[in-house]
Amino acid sequence: MSEKVRLHLRLTPETYQLIGEYTPKDNCTTANDFVEHAVEFYVGYLSAEDCMRFLPPSLATAVRGTIQDTENHICRLLFKLAVELDMMMNVLASELDITPEALEKLRGRCIQEVKRTGGGITFKDAVRYQRGE
């Protein structure tokens, strides 16, 4: 056991009562052990607070970079998807004879369906709707 330094403390009765109450809960055998653990914990807390002065800017930069890379990737995928969708719509439009009124009615129905399902629609659902099922 290392040599310890004696320290005289003045505590409020409430704080002294808390030490007595929480000493067994912290698996400490003495109030002295509890106070030592409490001081070590608090010093760790303060040290972490000091780290917050330089850690967040570097962490924020790293997170910002990761988010930017993800945004770029999603944008590229959405562009490719939009091209494919445009191709499909043009192929379908070249073969179908649909009135503007029917197209607007279908658009309204599709908007409602996407809202209702939260975007979870499938081609199978569209086939069922077109067949009147």
Protein backbone atom coordinates (compact mmCIF):
# COMPACT_ATOMS: atom_id res chain seq x y z
CA MET A 1 0.00 0.00 0.00
CA SER A 2 1.42 3.37 -0.98
CA GLU A 3 1.88 6.14 1.53
CA LYS A 4 -1.13 8.42 1.83
CA VAL A 5 -1.35 12.10 2.67
CA ARG A 6 -3.68 13.17 5.44
CA LEU A 7 -6.18 15.82 4.39
CA HIS A 8 -8.58 17.61 6.68
CA LEU A 9 -11.99 18.29 5.07
CA ARG A 10 -15.02 20.22 6.16
CA LEU A 11 -18.23 18.86 4.66
CA THR A 12 -21.85 19.74 5.05
CA PRO A 13 -23.88 17.15 6.96
CA GLU A 14 -25.79 16.40 3.74
CA THR A 15 -22.60 15.65 1.80
CA TYR A 16 -21.27 13.51 4.66
CA GLN A 17 -24.56 11.59 4.68
CA LEU A 18 -24.30 11.03 0.91
CA ILE A 19 -20.80 9.61 1.34
CA GLY A 20 -22.09 7.19 3.95
CA GLU A 21 -25.03 6.24 1.77
CA TYR A 22 -23.10 5.70 -1.46
CA THR A 23 -19.91 4.15 -0.12
CA PRO A 24 -21.31 0.58 -0.19
CA LYS A 25 -22.97 1.17 -3.57
CA ASP A 26 -19.54 2.00 -5.04
CA ASN A 27 -18.09 -1.20 -3.52
CA CYS A 28 -15.89 0.86 -1.25
CA THR A 29 -15.07 -0.35 2.23
CA THR A 30 -14.39 3.08 3.69
CA ALA A 31 -15.51 6.64 3.20
CA ASN A 32 -11.89 7.46 2.38
CA ASP A 33 -11.94 5.02 -0.57
CA PHE A 34 -15.20 6.53 -1.76
CA VAL A 35 -13.85 10.10 -1.63
CA GLU A 36 -10.71 8.98 -3.51
CA HIS A 37 -12.82 7.37 -6.24
CA ALA A 38 -15.03 10.44 -6.40
CA VAL A 39 -12.03 12.75 -6.78
CA GLU A 40 -10.51 10.53 -9.49
CA PHE A 41 -13.83 10.47 -11.34
CA TYR A 42 -14.21 14.24 -11.10
CA VAL A 43 -10.66 14.85 -12.29
CA GLY A 44 -11.37 12.57 -15.26
CA TYR A 45 -14.51 14.58 -15.97
CA LEU A 46 -12.58 17.85 -15.87
CA SER A 47 -9.83 16.42 -18.08
CA ALA A 48 -12.41 15.35 -20.64
CA GLU A 49 -13.83 18.86 -20.53
CA ASP A 50 -10.33 20.21 -21.33
CA CYS A 51 -10.12 17.81 -24.28
CA MET A 52 -13.39 19.22 -25.60
CA ARG A 53 -11.55 22.42 -26.45
CA PHE A 54 -9.52 20.77 -29.23
CA LEU A 55 -11.33 17.49 -29.94
CA PRO A 56 -14.63 18.74 -31.35
CA PRO A 57 -13.16 20.81 -34.21
CA SER A 58 -11.12 17.85 -35.47
CA LEU A 59 -14.02 15.48 -34.89
CA ALA A 60 -16.42 17.86 -36.58
CA THR A 61 -14.09 18.12 -39.58
CA ALA A 62 -13.90 14.34 -39.89
CA VAL A 63 -17.68 13.95 -39.58
CA ARG A 64 -18.26 16.78 -42.05
CA GLY A 65 -15.96 15.08 -44.57
CA THR A 66 -17.72 11.75 -44.17
CA ILE A 67 -21.12 13.37 -44.60
CA GLN A 68 -19.94 15.25 -47.70
CA ASP A 69 -18.62 12.01 -49.25
CA THR A 70 -21.94 10.31 -48.51
CA GLU A 71 -23.91 13.21 -50.00
CA ASN A 72 -21.81 13.09 -53.16
CA HIS A 73 -22.30 9.34 -53.47
CA ILE A 74 -26.06 9.63 -52.98
CA CYS A 75 -26.25 12.47 -55.51
CA ARG A 76 -24.43 10.38 -58.13
CA LEU A 77 -26.74 7.42 -57.49
CA LEU A 78 -29.85 9.62 -57.65
CA PHE A 79 -28.64 11.09 -60.96
CA LYS A 80 -28.14 7.59 -62.42
CA LEU A 81 -31.55 6.56 -61.15
CA ALA A 82 -33.19 9.65 -62.67
CA VAL A 83 -31.57 8.87 -66.05
CA GLU A 84 -32.87 5.29 -65.95
CA LEU A 85 -36.34 6.45 -64.90
CA ASP A 86 -36.41 9.04 -67.70
CA MET A 87 -35.45 6.36 -70.22
CA MET A 88 -38.20 4.05 -68.95
CA MET A 89 -40.82 6.82 -69.03
CA ASN A 90 -39.88 7.73 -72.60
CA VAL A 91 -40.12 4.10 -73.74
CA LEU A 92 -43.54 3.74 -72.10
CA ALA A 93 -44.80 7.11 -73.39
CA SER A 94 -43.82 6.20 -76.94
CA GLU A 95 -46.06 3.10 -76.80
CA LEU A 96 -49.04 4.37 -74.80
CA ASP A 97 -51.92 6.59 -75.75
CA ILE A 98 -52.98 8.25 -72.51
CA THR A 99 -54.98 11.45 -72.11
CA PRO A 100 -53.62 14.35 -70.08
CA GLU A 101 -56.62 14.04 -67.73
CA ALA A 102 -55.94 10.35 -67.06
CA LEU A 103 -52.27 11.14 -66.51
CA GLU A 104 -53.09 13.82 -63.90
CA LYS A 105 -55.54 11.50 -62.18
CA LEU A 106 -52.83 8.81 -62.05
CA ARG A 107 -50.30 11.34 -60.71
CA GLY A 108 -52.65 12.28 -57.85
CA ARG A 109 -53.27 8.63 -57.03
CA CYS A 110 -49.52 7.89 -57.08
CA ILE A 111 -48.76 10.85 -54.80
CA GLN A 112 -51.31 9.59 -52.29
CA GLU A 113 -49.95 6.02 -52.52
CA VAL A 114 -46.36 7.14 -51.95
CA LYS A 115 -47.43 9.25 -48.96
CA ARG A 116 -49.50 6.40 -47.53
CA THR A 117 -46.73 3.82 -47.84
CA GLY A 118 -43.83 6.16 -47.03
CA GLY A 119 -42.31 5.35 -50.43
CA GLY A 120 -42.55 1.59 -49.94
CA ILE A 121 -44.20 0.82 -53.27
CA THR A 122 -43.44 -2.02 -55.65
CA PHE A 123 -44.09 -2.82 -59.28
CA LYS A 124 -46.29 -5.67 -58.05
CA ASP A 125 -48.52 -3.11 -56.26
CA ALA A 126 -48.84 -1.09 -59.47
CA VAL A 127 -49.80 -4.21 -61.47
CA ARG A 128 -52.47 -5.08 -58.90
CA TYR A 129 -53.89 -1.54 -59.06
CA GLN A 130 -53.97 -1.54 -62.86
CA ARG A 131 -55.77 -4.89 -62.87
CA GLY A 132 -58.30 -3.53 -60.37
CA GLU A 133 -57.32 -5.96 -57.60
